[in-house]
Amino acid sequence: MVSDMAADLRAKQASAERATDLALPPRLRAILEAEYPRFSDAEMARRRAAIGNLIPDALFVQHINHVPLARRLAAPAEVAWGGGSSIAAAVAALQRRGARADRVGVIGPMTFEPRRL
């Protein structure tokens, strides 16, 4: 098991080294070398302003071990573990906040058919 993990780490490091050999323009190089590629603070502010006060920022993460990283990447959104069902957690939060059934939106890929409540 440990040897498998070490081999996986070596493969990831080799892949990262190959990526740094790419001939990229400076603006793309900066994205590649960033700790976590993400939108700038200015772009996130622009996006939040575009949706105004339509929704409070909230993110429900299905796997509890993903919560710490999600909190770093999705700041300043409210990030929480979704428990047994992130959909059920989101529905409960919407109900607590008084959301109307015809006024709920989702940003990002989400298929609802297998997750009916």
N, C-alpha and C. Protein backbone atom coordinates (compact mmCIF):
# COMPACT_ATOMS: atom_id res chain seq x y z
N MET A 1 0.83 -1.19 0.00
CA MET A 1 0.00 0.00 0.00
C MET A 1 0.87 1.26 0.00
N VAL A 2 1.87 1.30 0.89
CA VAL A 2 2.75 2.46 0.96
C VAL A 2 3.54 2.60 -0.33
N SER A 3 3.99 1.47 -0.88
CA SER A 3 4.75 1.54 -2.13
C SER A 3 3.86 2.04 -3.27
N ASP A 4 2.57 1.67 -3.27
CA ASP A 4 1.64 2.18 -4.28
C ASP A 4 1.48 3.69 -4.15
N MET A 5 1.37 4.17 -2.91
CA MET A 5 1.22 5.61 -2.67
C MET A 5 2.47 6.35 -3.11
N ALA A 6 3.65 5.77 -2.84
CA ALA A 6 4.91 6.40 -3.25
C ALA A 6 5.02 6.45 -4.76
N ALA A 7 4.62 5.37 -5.42
CA ALA A 7 4.66 5.34 -6.88
C ALA A 7 3.70 6.37 -7.47
N ASP A 8 2.52 6.49 -6.87
CA ASP A 8 1.54 7.48 -7.33
C ASP A 8 2.09 8.89 -7.17
N LEU A 9 2.74 9.16 -6.03
CA LEU A 9 3.33 10.48 -5.79
C LEU A 9 4.42 10.78 -6.81
N ARG A 10 5.28 9.79 -7.08
CA ARG A 10 6.34 9.99 -8.08
C ARG A 10 5.75 10.27 -9.46
N ALA A 11 4.67 9.58 -9.82
CA ALA A 11 4.03 9.81 -11.12
C ALA A 11 3.45 11.21 -11.20
N LYS A 12 2.83 11.67 -10.12
CA LYS A 12 2.27 13.03 -10.10
C LYS A 12 3.37 14.08 -10.19
N GLN A 13 4.48 13.85 -9.49
CA GLN A 13 5.60 14.79 -9.55
C GLN A 13 6.18 14.84 -10.96
N ALA A 14 6.31 13.69 -11.60
CA ALA A 14 6.84 13.65 -12.97
C ALA A 14 5.90 14.38 -13.92
N SER A 15 4.61 14.21 -13.72
CA SER A 15 3.62 14.90 -14.56
C SER A 15 3.73 16.40 -14.37
N ALA A 16 3.89 16.84 -13.13
CA ALA A 16 4.02 18.28 -12.83
C ALA A 16 5.29 18.84 -13.46
N GLU A 17 6.37 18.07 -13.43
CA GLU A 17 7.63 18.53 -14.03
C GLU A 17 7.47 18.66 -15.55
N ARG A 18 6.76 17.72 -16.18
CA ARG A 18 6.53 17.82 -17.63
C ARG A 18 5.70 19.06 -17.95
N ALA A 19 4.73 19.38 -17.08
CA ALA A 19 3.88 20.56 -17.31
C ALA A 19 4.70 21.84 -17.25
N THR A 20 5.72 21.87 -16.40
CA THR A 20 6.53 23.09 -16.31
C THR A 20 7.45 23.24 -17.51
N ASP A 21 7.62 22.18 -18.32
CA ASP A 21 8.43 22.27 -19.52
C ASP A 21 7.67 22.87 -20.70
N LEU A 22 6.39 23.08 -20.55
CA LEU A 22 5.58 23.64 -21.63
C LEU A 22 6.00 25.06 -21.94
N ALA A 23 5.97 25.42 -23.20
CA ALA A 23 6.26 26.80 -23.61
C ALA A 23 4.95 27.58 -23.53
N LEU A 24 4.75 28.29 -22.43
CA LEU A 24 3.51 29.03 -22.22
C LEU A 24 3.78 30.52 -22.16
N PRO A 25 2.82 31.34 -22.60
CA PRO A 25 2.95 32.78 -22.42
C PRO A 25 2.95 33.09 -20.92
N PRO A 26 3.54 34.22 -20.53
CA PRO A 26 3.64 34.55 -19.10
C PRO A 26 2.31 34.51 -18.35
N ARG A 27 1.20 34.97 -18.98
CA ARG A 27 -0.08 34.98 -18.26
C ARG A 27 -0.58 33.57 -17.97
N LEU A 28 -0.31 32.62 -18.88
CA LEU A 28 -0.70 31.23 -18.64
C LEU A 28 0.28 30.54 -17.69
N ARG A 29 1.55 30.89 -17.77
CA ARG A 29 2.54 30.34 -16.85
C ARG A 29 2.16 30.68 -15.41
N ALA A 30 1.70 31.92 -15.18
CA ALA A 30 1.31 32.36 -13.83
C ALA A 30 0.16 31.50 -13.30
N ILE A 31 -0.79 31.15 -14.19
CA ILE A 31 -1.91 30.30 -13.77
C ILE A 31 -1.41 28.91 -13.41
N LEU A 32 -0.54 28.36 -14.24
CA LEU A 32 -0.01 27.02 -13.99
C LEU A 32 0.76 26.97 -12.68
N GLU A 33 1.51 28.01 -12.38
CA GLU A 33 2.36 28.00 -11.19
C GLU A 33 1.64 28.46 -9.92
N ALA A 34 0.41 28.93 -10.05
CA ALA A 34 -0.35 29.34 -8.87
C ALA A 34 -0.60 28.13 -7.97
N GLU A 35 -0.71 28.38 -6.66
CA GLU A 35 -0.94 27.28 -5.74
C GLU A 35 -2.21 26.52 -6.14
N TYR A 36 -3.28 27.24 -6.40
CA TYR A 36 -4.53 26.67 -6.89
C TYR A 36 -5.04 27.58 -7.98
N PRO A 37 -5.07 27.13 -9.23
CA PRO A 37 -5.59 28.00 -10.29
C PRO A 37 -7.04 28.37 -9.96
N ARG A 38 -7.30 29.67 -9.93
CA ARG A 38 -8.65 30.15 -9.64
C ARG A 38 -8.78 31.57 -10.14
N PHE A 39 -10.02 32.06 -10.15
CA PHE A 39 -10.27 33.42 -10.59
C PHE A 39 -9.67 34.41 -9.60
N SER A 40 -9.29 35.56 -10.09
CA SER A 40 -8.74 36.61 -9.23
C SER A 40 -9.84 37.14 -8.30
N ASP A 41 -9.43 37.83 -7.25
CA ASP A 41 -10.40 38.44 -6.33
C ASP A 41 -11.29 39.42 -7.08
N ALA A 42 -10.71 40.16 -8.02
CA ALA A 42 -11.50 41.12 -8.80
C ALA A 42 -12.55 40.41 -9.65
N GLU A 43 -12.18 39.29 -10.27
CA GLU A 43 -13.14 38.55 -11.10
C GLU A 43 -14.25 37.95 -10.24
N MET A 44 -13.88 37.42 -9.07
CA MET A 44 -14.91 36.87 -8.19
C MET A 44 -15.86 37.97 -7.71
N ALA A 45 -15.32 39.14 -7.41
CA ALA A 45 -16.17 40.26 -7.00
C ALA A 45 -17.11 40.65 -8.13
N ARG A 46 -16.59 40.66 -9.35
CA ARG A 46 -17.43 40.99 -10.51
C ARG A 46 -18.56 39.97 -10.67
N ARG A 47 -18.25 38.70 -10.51
CA ARG A 47 -19.25 37.66 -10.66
C ARG A 47 -20.30 37.73 -9.54
N ARG A 48 -19.85 37.99 -8.32
CA ARG A 48 -20.81 38.12 -7.21
C ARG A 48 -21.72 39.33 -7.42
N ALA A 49 -21.17 40.42 -7.93
CA ALA A 49 -21.97 41.61 -8.19
C ALA A 49 -22.99 41.34 -9.30
N ALA A 50 -22.62 40.50 -10.26
CA ALA A 50 -23.52 40.20 -11.38
C ALA A 50 -24.77 39.47 -10.93
N ILE A 51 -24.64 38.64 -9.90
CA ILE A 51 -25.83 37.94 -9.41
C ILE A 51 -26.45 38.65 -8.21
N GLY A 52 -25.80 39.73 -7.78
CA GLY A 52 -26.38 40.57 -6.74
C GLY A 52 -26.73 39.81 -5.48
N ASN A 53 -27.85 40.16 -4.92
CA ASN A 53 -28.31 39.53 -3.68
C ASN A 53 -29.28 38.39 -3.96
N LEU A 54 -29.21 37.81 -5.15
CA LEU A 54 -30.13 36.73 -5.50
C LEU A 54 -29.95 35.52 -4.61
N ILE A 55 -28.69 35.21 -4.29
CA ILE A 55 -28.44 34.02 -3.49
C ILE A 55 -27.33 34.28 -2.48
N PRO A 56 -27.44 33.70 -1.32
CA PRO A 56 -26.28 33.71 -0.41
C PRO A 56 -25.30 32.65 -0.89
N ASP A 57 -24.02 32.90 -0.76
CA ASP A 57 -23.02 31.92 -1.19
C ASP A 57 -23.00 30.76 -0.21
N ALA A 58 -23.27 29.57 -0.70
CA ALA A 58 -23.23 28.36 0.12
C ALA A 58 -22.75 27.21 -0.74
N LEU A 59 -21.96 26.33 -0.14
CA LEU A 59 -21.45 25.17 -0.83
C LEU A 59 -21.55 23.98 0.11
N PHE A 60 -22.22 22.93 -0.33
CA PHE A 60 -22.33 21.71 0.45
C PHE A 60 -21.47 20.65 -0.23
N VAL A 61 -20.50 20.13 0.50
CA VAL A 61 -19.52 19.21 -0.04
C VAL A 61 -19.90 17.79 0.39
N GLN A 62 -19.93 16.87 -0.57
CA GLN A 62 -20.38 15.51 -0.27
C GLN A 62 -19.38 14.73 0.58
N HIS A 63 -18.09 14.90 0.33
CA HIS A 63 -17.08 14.12 1.05
C HIS A 63 -16.43 14.99 2.13
N ILE A 64 -16.53 14.56 3.37
CA ILE A 64 -16.08 15.38 4.50
C ILE A 64 -14.60 15.74 4.40
N ASN A 65 -13.78 14.87 3.82
CA ASN A 65 -12.36 15.18 3.72
C ASN A 65 -12.09 16.27 2.68
N HIS A 66 -13.08 16.63 1.87
CA HIS A 66 -12.91 17.71 0.90
C HIS A 66 -13.24 19.09 1.48
N VAL A 67 -13.84 19.11 2.67
CA VAL A 67 -14.29 20.38 3.26
C VAL A 67 -13.14 21.37 3.50
N PRO A 68 -12.02 20.98 4.10
CA PRO A 68 -10.96 21.97 4.33
C PRO A 68 -10.47 22.66 3.06
N LEU A 69 -10.25 21.90 2.00
CA LEU A 69 -9.80 22.50 0.75
C LEU A 69 -10.91 23.35 0.13
N ALA A 70 -12.14 22.87 0.19
CA ALA A 70 -13.27 23.65 -0.35
C ALA A 70 -13.38 25.00 0.36
N ARG A 71 -13.13 25.03 1.66
CA ARG A 71 -13.17 26.30 2.41
C ARG A 71 -12.10 27.25 1.92
N ARG A 72 -10.94 26.73 1.57
CA ARG A 72 -9.86 27.59 1.04
C ARG A 72 -10.19 28.10 -0.35
N LEU A 73 -10.72 27.21 -1.19
CA LEU A 73 -10.97 27.58 -2.58
C LEU A 73 -12.24 28.40 -2.77
N ALA A 74 -13.24 28.19 -1.93
CA ALA A 74 -14.53 28.84 -2.12
C ALA A 74 -14.74 30.03 -1.18
N ALA A 75 -13.70 30.45 -0.48
CA ALA A 75 -13.85 31.60 0.42
C ALA A 75 -14.34 32.79 -0.39
N PRO A 76 -15.26 33.56 0.11
CA PRO A 76 -15.86 33.59 1.44
C PRO A 76 -17.19 32.86 1.55
N ALA A 77 -17.48 31.90 0.69
CA ALA A 77 -18.75 31.17 0.75
C ALA A 77 -18.85 30.37 2.04
N GLU A 78 -20.07 30.11 2.44
CA GLU A 78 -20.33 29.22 3.57
C GLU A 78 -20.15 27.80 3.05
N VAL A 79 -19.18 27.07 3.60
CA VAL A 79 -18.88 25.71 3.15
C VAL A 79 -19.19 24.76 4.29
N ALA A 80 -19.95 23.71 3.97
CA ALA A 80 -20.30 22.72 5.00
C ALA A 80 -20.35 21.34 4.38
N TRP A 81 -20.13 20.33 5.21
CA TRP A 81 -20.27 18.95 4.77
C TRP A 81 -21.75 18.69 4.54
N GLY A 82 -22.08 18.02 3.46
CA GLY A 82 -23.46 17.74 3.13
C GLY A 82 -24.04 16.53 3.84
N GLY A 83 -23.25 15.87 4.68
CA GLY A 83 -23.74 14.68 5.38
C GLY A 83 -24.01 13.55 4.39
N GLY A 84 -25.03 12.77 4.66
CA GLY A 84 -25.37 11.65 3.80
C GLY A 84 -25.84 12.07 2.42
N SER A 85 -26.32 13.31 2.30
CA SER A 85 -26.81 13.81 1.02
C SER A 85 -26.64 15.32 0.95
N SER A 86 -25.77 15.77 0.06
CA SER A 86 -25.58 17.21 -0.11
C SER A 86 -26.85 17.87 -0.63
N ILE A 87 -27.62 17.14 -1.45
CA ILE A 87 -28.88 17.68 -1.96
C ILE A 87 -29.84 17.91 -0.79
N ALA A 88 -29.97 16.93 0.10
CA ALA A 88 -30.87 17.09 1.25
C ALA A 88 -30.40 18.24 2.14
N ALA A 89 -29.09 18.38 2.33
CA ALA A 89 -28.56 19.48 3.13
C ALA A 89 -28.87 20.83 2.49
N ALA A 90 -28.74 20.91 1.17
CA ALA A 90 -29.06 22.15 0.47
C ALA A 90 -30.54 22.48 0.57
N VAL A 91 -31.39 21.47 0.42
CA VAL A 91 -32.84 21.68 0.52
C VAL A 91 -33.19 22.17 1.92
N ALA A 92 -32.61 21.56 2.95
CA ALA A 92 -32.88 21.98 4.33
C ALA A 92 -32.44 23.42 4.56
N ALA A 93 -31.27 23.78 4.02
CA ALA A 93 -30.79 25.16 4.16
C ALA A 93 -31.72 26.14 3.44
N LEU A 94 -32.18 25.76 2.26
CA LEU A 94 -33.11 26.62 1.51
C LEU A 94 -34.41 26.79 2.28
N GLN A 95 -34.91 25.71 2.88
CA GLN A 95 -36.15 25.80 3.66
C GLN A 95 -35.95 26.72 4.86
N ARG A 96 -34.81 26.60 5.55
CA ARG A 96 -34.53 27.49 6.70
C ARG A 96 -34.47 28.94 6.26
N ARG A 97 -33.99 29.18 5.06
CA ARG A 97 -33.84 30.55 4.56
C ARG A 97 -35.12 31.09 3.90
N GLY A 98 -36.14 30.24 3.83
CA GLY A 98 -37.41 30.68 3.27
C GLY A 98 -37.45 30.74 1.76
N ALA A 99 -36.65 29.93 1.09
CA ALA A 99 -36.63 29.93 -0.38
C ALA A 99 -37.96 29.43 -0.92
N ARG A 100 -38.37 29.99 -2.04
CA ARG A 100 -39.60 29.55 -2.70
C ARG A 100 -39.26 28.47 -3.72
N ALA A 101 -40.17 27.55 -3.93
CA ALA A 101 -39.93 26.43 -4.83
C ALA A 101 -39.63 26.88 -6.26
N ASP A 102 -40.19 28.01 -6.68
CA ASP A 102 -39.98 28.45 -8.05
C ASP A 102 -38.85 29.46 -8.19
N ARG A 103 -38.03 29.62 -7.15
CA ARG A 103 -36.96 30.63 -7.18
C ARG A 103 -35.62 30.06 -6.73
N VAL A 104 -35.34 28.83 -7.07
CA VAL A 104 -34.09 28.20 -6.67
C VAL A 104 -33.24 27.97 -7.91
N GLY A 105 -31.96 28.32 -7.82
CA GLY A 105 -31.05 28.12 -8.93
C GLY A 105 -29.82 27.35 -8.50
N VAL A 106 -29.17 26.72 -9.46
CA VAL A 106 -27.94 25.97 -9.22
C VAL A 106 -26.90 26.46 -10.22
N ILE A 107 -25.69 26.68 -9.73
CA ILE A 107 -24.60 27.06 -10.60
C ILE A 107 -23.65 25.88 -10.66
N GLY A 108 -23.36 25.43 -11.87
CA GLY A 108 -22.46 24.30 -12.05
C GLY A 108 -23.22 23.06 -12.46
N PRO A 109 -22.48 22.01 -12.83
CA PRO A 109 -23.14 20.79 -13.31
C PRO A 109 -23.84 20.06 -12.17
N MET A 110 -25.08 19.66 -12.42
CA MET A 110 -25.83 18.93 -11.40
C MET A 110 -26.94 18.17 -12.10
N THR A 111 -26.98 16.88 -11.89
CA THR A 111 -28.09 16.09 -12.39
C THR A 111 -28.96 15.73 -11.20
N PHE A 112 -30.25 15.96 -11.33
CA PHE A 112 -31.16 15.77 -10.21
C PHE A 112 -31.91 14.45 -10.25
N GLU A 113 -32.03 13.84 -11.41
CA GLU A 113 -32.86 12.64 -11.53
C GLU A 113 -32.52 11.57 -10.50
N PRO A 114 -31.25 11.20 -10.34
CA PRO A 114 -30.97 10.13 -9.36
C PRO A 114 -31.01 10.61 -7.91
N ARG A 115 -31.30 11.88 -7.69
CA ARG A 115 -31.25 12.42 -6.34
C ARG A 115 -32.60 12.93 -5.86
N ARG A 116 -33.66 12.39 -6.37
CA ARG A 116 -34.99 12.85 -5.97
C ARG A 116 -35.18 12.64 -4.48
N LEU A 117 -35.82 13.62 -3.84
CA LEU A 117 -36.06 13.51 -2.39
C LEU A 117 -37.44 12.99 -2.12
